C-alpha atoms as a PDB file:
ATOM      1  CA  GLN A   1      -9.233   4.403  11.857  1.00  0.00           C
ATOM      2  CA  VAL A   2      -5.598   5.151  11.046  1.00  0.00           C
ATOM      3  CA  GLN A   3      -4.525   6.500   7.661  1.00  0.00           C
ATOM      4  CA  LEU A   4      -0.901   6.185   6.574  1.00  0.00           C
ATOM      5  CA  VAL A   5       0.606   7.944   3.601  1.00  0.00           C
ATOM      6  CA  GLU A   6       4.060   7.048   2.352  1.00  0.00           C
ATOM      7  CA  SER A   7       6.314   9.141   0.206  1.00  0.00           C
ATOM      8  CA  GLY A   8       9.950   9.303  -0.775  1.00  0.00           C
ATOM      9  CA  GLY A   9      10.326   6.204  -2.889  1.00  0.00           C
ATOM     10  CA  GLY A  10      12.094   6.308  -6.181  1.00  0.00           C
ATOM     11  CA  SER A  11      15.316   5.080  -7.745  1.00  0.00           C
ATOM     12  CA  ALA A  12      18.809   4.819  -6.339  1.00  0.00           C
ATOM     13  CA  GLN A  13      21.999   3.375  -7.573  1.00  0.00           C
ATOM     14  CA  PRO A  14      23.684   0.563  -5.573  1.00  0.00           C
ATOM     15  CA  GLY A  15      25.462   2.219  -2.649  1.00  0.00           C
ATOM     16  CA  GLY A  16      23.117   5.174  -2.750  1.00  0.00           C
ATOM     17  CA  SER A  17      20.599   6.447  -0.267  1.00  0.00           C
ATOM     18  CA  LEU A  18      16.856   7.124  -0.051  1.00  0.00           C
ATOM     19  CA  ARG A  19      14.599   8.336   2.739  1.00  0.00           C
ATOM     20  CA  LEU A  20      11.049   7.124   3.013  1.00  0.00           C
ATOM     21  CA  SER A  21       8.506   9.078   4.981  1.00  0.00           C
ATOM     22  CA  CYS A  22       5.165   7.977   6.463  1.00  0.00           C
ATOM     23  CA  ALA A  23       2.551  10.360   7.690  1.00  0.00           C
ATOM     24  CA  SER A  24       0.036   9.084  10.243  1.00  0.00           C
ATOM     25  CA  SER A  25      -3.421  10.524  10.691  1.00  0.00           C
ATOM     26  CA  VAL A  26      -3.264   9.892  14.487  1.00  0.00           C
ATOM     27  CA  ASN A  27      -0.840  10.583  17.338  1.00  0.00           C
ATOM     28  CA  ILE A  28       1.834   7.908  16.899  1.00  0.00           C
ATOM     29  CA  PHE A  29       1.920   7.356  20.673  1.00  0.00           C
ATOM     30  CA  GLU A  30      -1.529   5.969  20.373  1.00  0.00           C
ATOM     31  CA  LEU A  31      -0.139   3.128  18.355  1.00  0.00           C
ATOM     32  CA  ASN A  32       1.680   0.076  19.687  1.00  0.00           C
ATOM     33  CA  SER A  33       4.277   0.294  16.995  1.00  0.00           C
ATOM     34  CA  MET A  34       4.996   1.658  13.539  1.00  0.00           C
ATOM     35  CA  GLY A  35       7.151   0.053  10.978  1.00  0.00           C
ATOM     36  CA  TRP A  36       8.213  -0.522   7.439  1.00  0.00           C
ATOM     37  CA  TYR A  37       7.590  -3.677   5.409  1.00  0.00           C
ATOM     38  CA  ARG A  38       8.538  -4.501   1.836  1.00  0.00           C
ATOM     39  CA  GLN A  39       7.381  -6.788  -0.835  1.00  0.00           C
ATOM     40  CA  ALA A  40       9.197  -7.706  -3.955  1.00  0.00           C
ATOM     41  CA  PRO A  41       7.399  -9.309  -6.967  1.00  0.00           C
ATOM     42  CA  GLY A  42       6.537 -12.915  -6.173  1.00  0.00           C
ATOM     43  CA  ARG A  43       7.693 -12.612  -2.580  1.00  0.00           C
ATOM     44  CA  GLN A  44       5.832 -12.269   0.670  1.00  0.00           C
ATOM     45  CA  ARG A  45       5.668  -8.992   2.598  1.00  0.00           C
ATOM     46  CA  ASP A  46       8.500  -8.923   5.084  1.00  0.00           C
ATOM     47  CA  LEU A  47       9.329  -6.662   8.030  1.00  0.00           C
ATOM     48  CA  VAL A  48      12.184  -4.249   7.382  1.00  0.00           C
ATOM     49  CA  ALA A  49      12.189  -2.131  10.581  1.00  0.00           C
ATOM     50  CA  LYS A  50       9.880  -1.177  13.370  1.00  0.00           C
ATOM     51  CA  ILE A  51       9.809   1.238  16.300  1.00  0.00           C
ATOM     52  CA  ASN A  52       7.555   0.667  19.243  1.00  0.00           C
ATOM     53  CA  VAL A  53       5.741   3.225  21.431  1.00  0.00           C
ATOM     54  CA  GLY A  54       8.709   3.238  23.796  1.00  0.00           C
ATOM     55  CA  GLY A  55      11.142   4.037  20.997  1.00  0.00           C
ATOM     56  CA  VAL A  56      12.755   0.594  20.823  1.00  0.00           C
ATOM     57  CA  THR A  57      13.753  -0.288  17.272  1.00  0.00           C
ATOM     58  CA  SER A  58      14.306  -3.555  15.510  1.00  0.00           C
ATOM     59  CA  TYR A  59      15.552  -4.467  12.056  1.00  0.00           C
ATOM     60  CA  ALA A  60      15.655  -7.319   9.677  1.00  0.00           C
ATOM     61  CA  ASP A  61      19.067  -8.842   9.515  1.00  0.00           C
ATOM     62  CA  SER A  62      19.444  -7.911   5.912  1.00  0.00           C
ATOM     63  CA  VAL A  63      19.233  -4.200   6.607  1.00  0.00           C
ATOM     64  CA  LYS A  64      20.963  -3.854   9.980  1.00  0.00           C
ATOM     65  CA  GLY A  65      23.633  -1.229   9.816  1.00  0.00           C
ATOM     66  CA  ARG A  66      22.258   0.204   6.562  1.00  0.00           C
ATOM     67  CA  PHE A  67      18.725   1.365   7.355  1.00  0.00           C
ATOM     68  CA  THR A  68      17.540   3.502  10.207  1.00  0.00           C
ATOM     69  CA  ILE A  69      13.969   3.998  11.377  1.00  0.00           C
ATOM     70  CA  SER A  70      13.064   7.144  13.259  1.00  0.00           C
ATOM     71  CA  ARG A  71      10.068   9.170  14.200  1.00  0.00           C
ATOM     72  CA  ASP A  72       8.935  12.719  14.726  1.00  0.00           C
ATOM     73  CA  ALA A  73       6.027  12.457  17.078  1.00  0.00           C
ATOM     74  CA  ALA A  74       5.138  16.168  16.925  1.00  0.00           C
ATOM     75  CA  HIS A  75       4.527  15.868  13.202  1.00  0.00           C
ATOM     76  CA  LYS A  76       3.141  12.256  13.366  1.00  0.00           C
ATOM     77  CA  MET A  77       5.857  11.059  11.010  1.00  0.00           C
ATOM     78  CA  VAL A  78       7.987   7.932  10.761  1.00  0.00           C
ATOM     79  CA  TYR A  79      10.982   7.677   8.547  1.00  0.00           C
ATOM     80  CA  LEU A  80      13.144   5.056   6.988  1.00  0.00           C
ATOM     81  CA  GLN A  81      16.642   6.188   6.098  1.00  0.00           C
ATOM     82  CA  MET A  82      18.087   3.730   3.592  1.00  0.00           C
ATOM     83  CA  THR A  83      21.835   3.849   2.912  1.00  0.00           C
ATOM     84  CA  ASP A  84      24.184   1.642   0.932  1.00  0.00           C
ATOM     85  CA  VAL A  85      21.202   0.260  -0.924  1.00  0.00           C
ATOM     86  CA  LYS A  86      21.560  -2.971  -2.736  1.00  0.00           C
ATOM     87  CA  PRO A  87      19.633  -4.438  -5.720  1.00  0.00           C
ATOM     88  CA  GLU A  88      17.898  -6.863  -3.348  1.00  0.00           C
ATOM     89  CA  ASP A  89      16.373  -3.821  -1.494  1.00  0.00           C
ATOM     90  CA  ALA A  90      14.183  -3.128  -4.521  1.00  0.00           C
ATOM     91  CA  ALA A  91      10.527  -3.575  -3.543  1.00  0.00           C
ATOM     92  CA  VAL A  92       7.308  -1.818  -2.713  1.00  0.00           C
ATOM     93  CA  TYR A  93       7.702  -0.419   0.771  1.00  0.00           C
ATOM     94  CA  TYR A  94       4.695  -0.188   3.067  1.00  0.00           C
ATOM     95  CA  CYS A  95       4.233   1.773   6.197  1.00  0.00           C
ATOM     96  CA  ASN A  96       2.490  -0.173   8.990  1.00  0.00           C
ATOM     97  CA  ALA A  97       0.881   0.777  12.225  1.00  0.00           C
ATOM     98  CA  LYS A  98      -0.169  -1.705  14.860  1.00  0.00           C
ATOM     99  CA  ILE A  99      -2.726  -1.149  17.490  1.00  0.00           C
ATOM    100  CA  ILE A 100      -3.999  -3.999  19.668  1.00  0.00           C
ATOM    101  CA  GLY A 101      -5.650  -6.517  17.342  1.00  0.00           C
ATOM    102  CA  TYR A 102      -5.271  -4.588  14.168  1.00  0.00           C
ATOM    103  CA  ASP A 103      -2.848  -3.620  11.430  1.00  0.00           C
ATOM    104  CA  TYR A 104      -3.083  -0.525   9.314  1.00  0.00           C
ATOM    105  CA  TRP A 105      -1.187  -0.122   6.026  1.00  0.00           C
ATOM    106  CA  GLY A 106      -0.252   2.638   3.667  1.00  0.00           C
ATOM    107  CA  GLN A 107      -0.590   2.354  -0.069  1.00  0.00           C
ATOM    108  CA  GLY A 108       3.054   1.573  -0.627  1.00  0.00           C
ATOM    109  CA  THR A 109       5.899   3.330  -2.292  1.00  0.00           C
ATOM    110  CA  GLN A 110       8.172   1.811  -4.956  1.00  0.00           C
ATOM    111  CA  VAL A 111      11.886   1.607  -4.458  1.00  0.00           C
ATOM    112  CA  THR A 112      14.084   0.594  -7.389  1.00  0.00           C
ATOM    113  CA  VAL A 113      17.844   0.026  -7.279  1.00  0.00           C
ATOM    114  CA  SER A 114      19.672   0.063 -10.587  1.00  0.00           C
ATOM    115  CA  THR A 115      22.877   1.258 -12.160  1.00  0.00           C
END
């Protein structure tokens, strides 16, 4: 069983920055990948960014160049640095961990973008 706890959501103005954190209950190298998804009201949950066990990262086209996923294995943490945020980035952000055949999810953290 993997438990994930997100923190760091909140409000930012357009062009501003936020950093999301996700704490894993297990060694992150035991997982195939970790990532961030987001879901806006009435929309499906979409992948934002992910990092695999080898450290390879990938991003949704909409956030490339603005968001950065990183990890601190010693502290079992994964981060999402969000810069130049846009109104369309507003959503509930979920931390995800994948291990063969299963997905684990955090409880989600709200990100709002407003002037």
